[in-house]
Amino acid sequence: MSDVSAAEAKVKKLRILIVEDHAPTRMAMSRLIRQAGADVLTARDGEEGLGYLLTQRFDVLLTDLRMPKMDGF
């Protein structure tokens, strides 16, 4: 294993939660972030996102601010 590969193997992947009610936007964001090397979980609205936040740990939360049921604030 080269030095670069060994260093890359030790780097922890970021865990990112995306909360977005617009499906095409949610899928595009998820695809781009996965391609950058992060682990991604998506939620369709604030209620679903809050459920994930209460049971799992994330490094980053990306959320839409205006959604049905519960907003991103």
C-alpha atoms as a PDB file:
ATOM      1  CA  MET A   1       0.000   0.000   0.000  1.00  0.00           C
ATOM      2  CA  SER A   2       1.440   3.371  -0.960  1.00  0.00           C
ATOM      3  CA  ASP A   3       1.774   6.224   1.544  1.00  0.00           C
ATOM      4  CA  VAL A   4      -1.167   8.049  -0.042  1.00  0.00           C
ATOM      5  CA  SER A   5      -3.383   4.951   0.078  1.00  0.00           C
ATOM      6  CA  ALA A   6      -2.457   4.308   3.703  1.00  0.00           C
ATOM      7  CA  ALA A   7      -3.278   7.907   4.629  1.00  0.00           C
ATOM      8  CA  GLU A   8      -6.591   7.763   2.766  1.00  0.00           C
ATOM      9  CA  ALA A   9      -7.514   4.526   4.547  1.00  0.00           C
ATOM     10  CA  LYS A  10      -7.072   6.247   7.934  1.00  0.00           C
ATOM     11  CA  VAL A  11      -9.286   9.231   7.067  1.00  0.00           C
ATOM     12  CA  LYS A  12     -12.753   8.993   8.595  1.00  0.00           C
ATOM     13  CA  LYS A  13     -15.581   9.546   6.142  1.00  0.00           C
ATOM     14  CA  LEU A  14     -17.881  12.410   7.011  1.00  0.00           C
ATOM     15  CA  ARG A  15     -21.425  11.378   7.879  1.00  0.00           C
ATOM     16  CA  ILE A  16     -23.855  13.857   6.372  1.00  0.00           C
ATOM     17  CA  LEU A  17     -27.614  14.105   6.822  1.00  0.00           C
ATOM     18  CA  ILE A  18     -29.528  15.855   4.046  1.00  0.00           C
ATOM     19  CA  VAL A  19     -33.077  16.969   4.868  1.00  0.00           C
ATOM     20  CA  GLU A  20     -34.868  18.129   1.715  1.00  0.00           C
ATOM     21  CA  ASP A  21     -38.492  17.723   0.645  1.00  0.00           C
ATOM     22  CA  HIS A  22     -37.858  18.178  -3.098  1.00  0.00           C
ATOM     23  CA  ALA A  23     -36.856  14.692  -4.305  1.00  0.00           C
ATOM     24  CA  PRO A  24     -34.749  15.720  -7.355  1.00  0.00           C
ATOM     25  CA  THR A  25     -32.740  18.166  -5.231  1.00  0.00           C
ATOM     26  CA  ARG A  26     -32.324  15.587  -2.458  1.00  0.00           C
ATOM     27  CA  MET A  27     -31.088  12.950  -4.919  1.00  0.00           C
ATOM     28  CA  ALA A  28     -28.691  15.332  -6.714  1.00  0.00           C
ATOM     29  CA  MET A  29     -27.169  16.572  -3.463  1.00  0.00           C
ATOM     30  CA  SER A  30     -26.792  13.034  -2.176  1.00  0.00           C
ATOM     31  CA  ARG A  31     -25.121  11.832  -5.369  1.00  0.00           C
ATOM     32  CA  LEU A  32     -22.635  14.721  -5.463  1.00  0.00           C
ATOM     33  CA  ILE A  33     -21.694  14.372  -1.816  1.00  0.00           C
ATOM     34  CA  ARG A  34     -21.275  10.583  -2.090  1.00  0.00           C
ATOM     35  CA  GLN A  35     -19.017  11.096  -5.107  1.00  0.00           C
ATOM     36  CA  ALA A  36     -16.889  13.358  -2.899  1.00  0.00           C
ATOM     37  CA  GLY A  37     -16.431  10.435  -0.510  1.00  0.00           C
ATOM     38  CA  ALA A  38     -18.886  11.068   2.328  1.00  0.00           C
ATOM     39  CA  ASP A  39     -21.493   8.757   3.826  1.00  0.00           C
ATOM     40  CA  VAL A  40     -24.933  10.271   3.228  1.00  0.00           C
ATOM     41  CA  LEU A  41     -28.357   9.680   4.725  1.00  0.00           C
ATOM     42  CA  THR A  42     -31.384  11.562   3.423  1.00  0.00           C
ATOM     43  CA  ALA A  43     -34.716  12.557   4.947  1.00  0.00           C
ATOM     44  CA  ARG A  44     -37.859  13.797   3.169  1.00  0.00           C
ATOM     45  CA  ASP A  45     -38.930  16.310   5.827  1.00  0.00           C
ATOM     46  CA  GLY A  46     -38.034  17.811   9.187  1.00  0.00           C
ATOM     47  CA  GLU A  47     -39.828  15.145  11.197  1.00  0.00           C
ATOM     48  CA  GLU A  48     -37.930  12.329   9.508  1.00  0.00           C
ATOM     49  CA  GLY A  49     -34.661  14.258   9.818  1.00  0.00           C
ATOM     50  CA  LEU A  50     -35.215  14.894  13.521  1.00  0.00           C
ATOM     51  CA  GLY A  51     -35.815  11.186  14.027  1.00  0.00           C
ATOM     52  CA  TYR A  52     -32.423  10.427  12.488  1.00  0.00           C
ATOM     53  CA  LEU A  53     -30.737  13.144  14.566  1.00  0.00           C
ATOM     54  CA  LEU A  54     -32.138  11.674  17.780  1.00  0.00           C
ATOM     55  CA  THR A  55     -30.834   8.167  17.037  1.00  0.00           C
ATOM     56  CA  GLN A  56     -27.620   8.640  15.036  1.00  0.00           C
ATOM     57  CA  ARG A  57     -24.544  10.847  14.939  1.00  0.00           C
ATOM     58  CA  PHE A  58     -23.692  13.083  11.979  1.00  0.00           C
ATOM     59  CA  ASP A  59     -20.789  15.384  11.244  1.00  0.00           C
ATOM     60  CA  VAL A  60     -22.836  17.708   9.023  1.00  0.00           C
ATOM     61  CA  LEU A  61     -26.531  18.556   8.631  1.00  0.00           C
ATOM     62  CA  LEU A  62     -27.721  20.123   5.374  1.00  0.00           C
ATOM     63  CA  THR A  63     -31.361  21.131   5.551  1.00  0.00           C
ATOM     64  CA  ASP A  64     -33.965  22.932   3.528  1.00  0.00           C
ATOM     65  CA  LEU A  65     -35.532  25.698   5.599  1.00  0.00           C
ATOM     66  CA  ARG A  66     -39.071  25.537   4.201  1.00  0.00           C
ATOM     67  CA  MET A  67     -40.673  22.086   4.259  1.00  0.00           C
ATOM     68  CA  PRO A  68     -44.075  20.646   5.104  1.00  0.00           C
ATOM     69  CA  LYS A  69     -44.754  19.238   8.596  1.00  0.00           C
ATOM     70  CA  MET A  70     -41.591  20.685  10.184  1.00  0.00           C
ATOM     71  CA  ASP A  71     -39.237  23.291   8.748  1.00  0.00           C
ATOM     72  CA  GLY A  72     -35.446  23.228   8.783  1.00  0.00           C
ATOM     73  CA  PHE A  73     -35.135  25.700  11.635  1.00  0.00           C
END
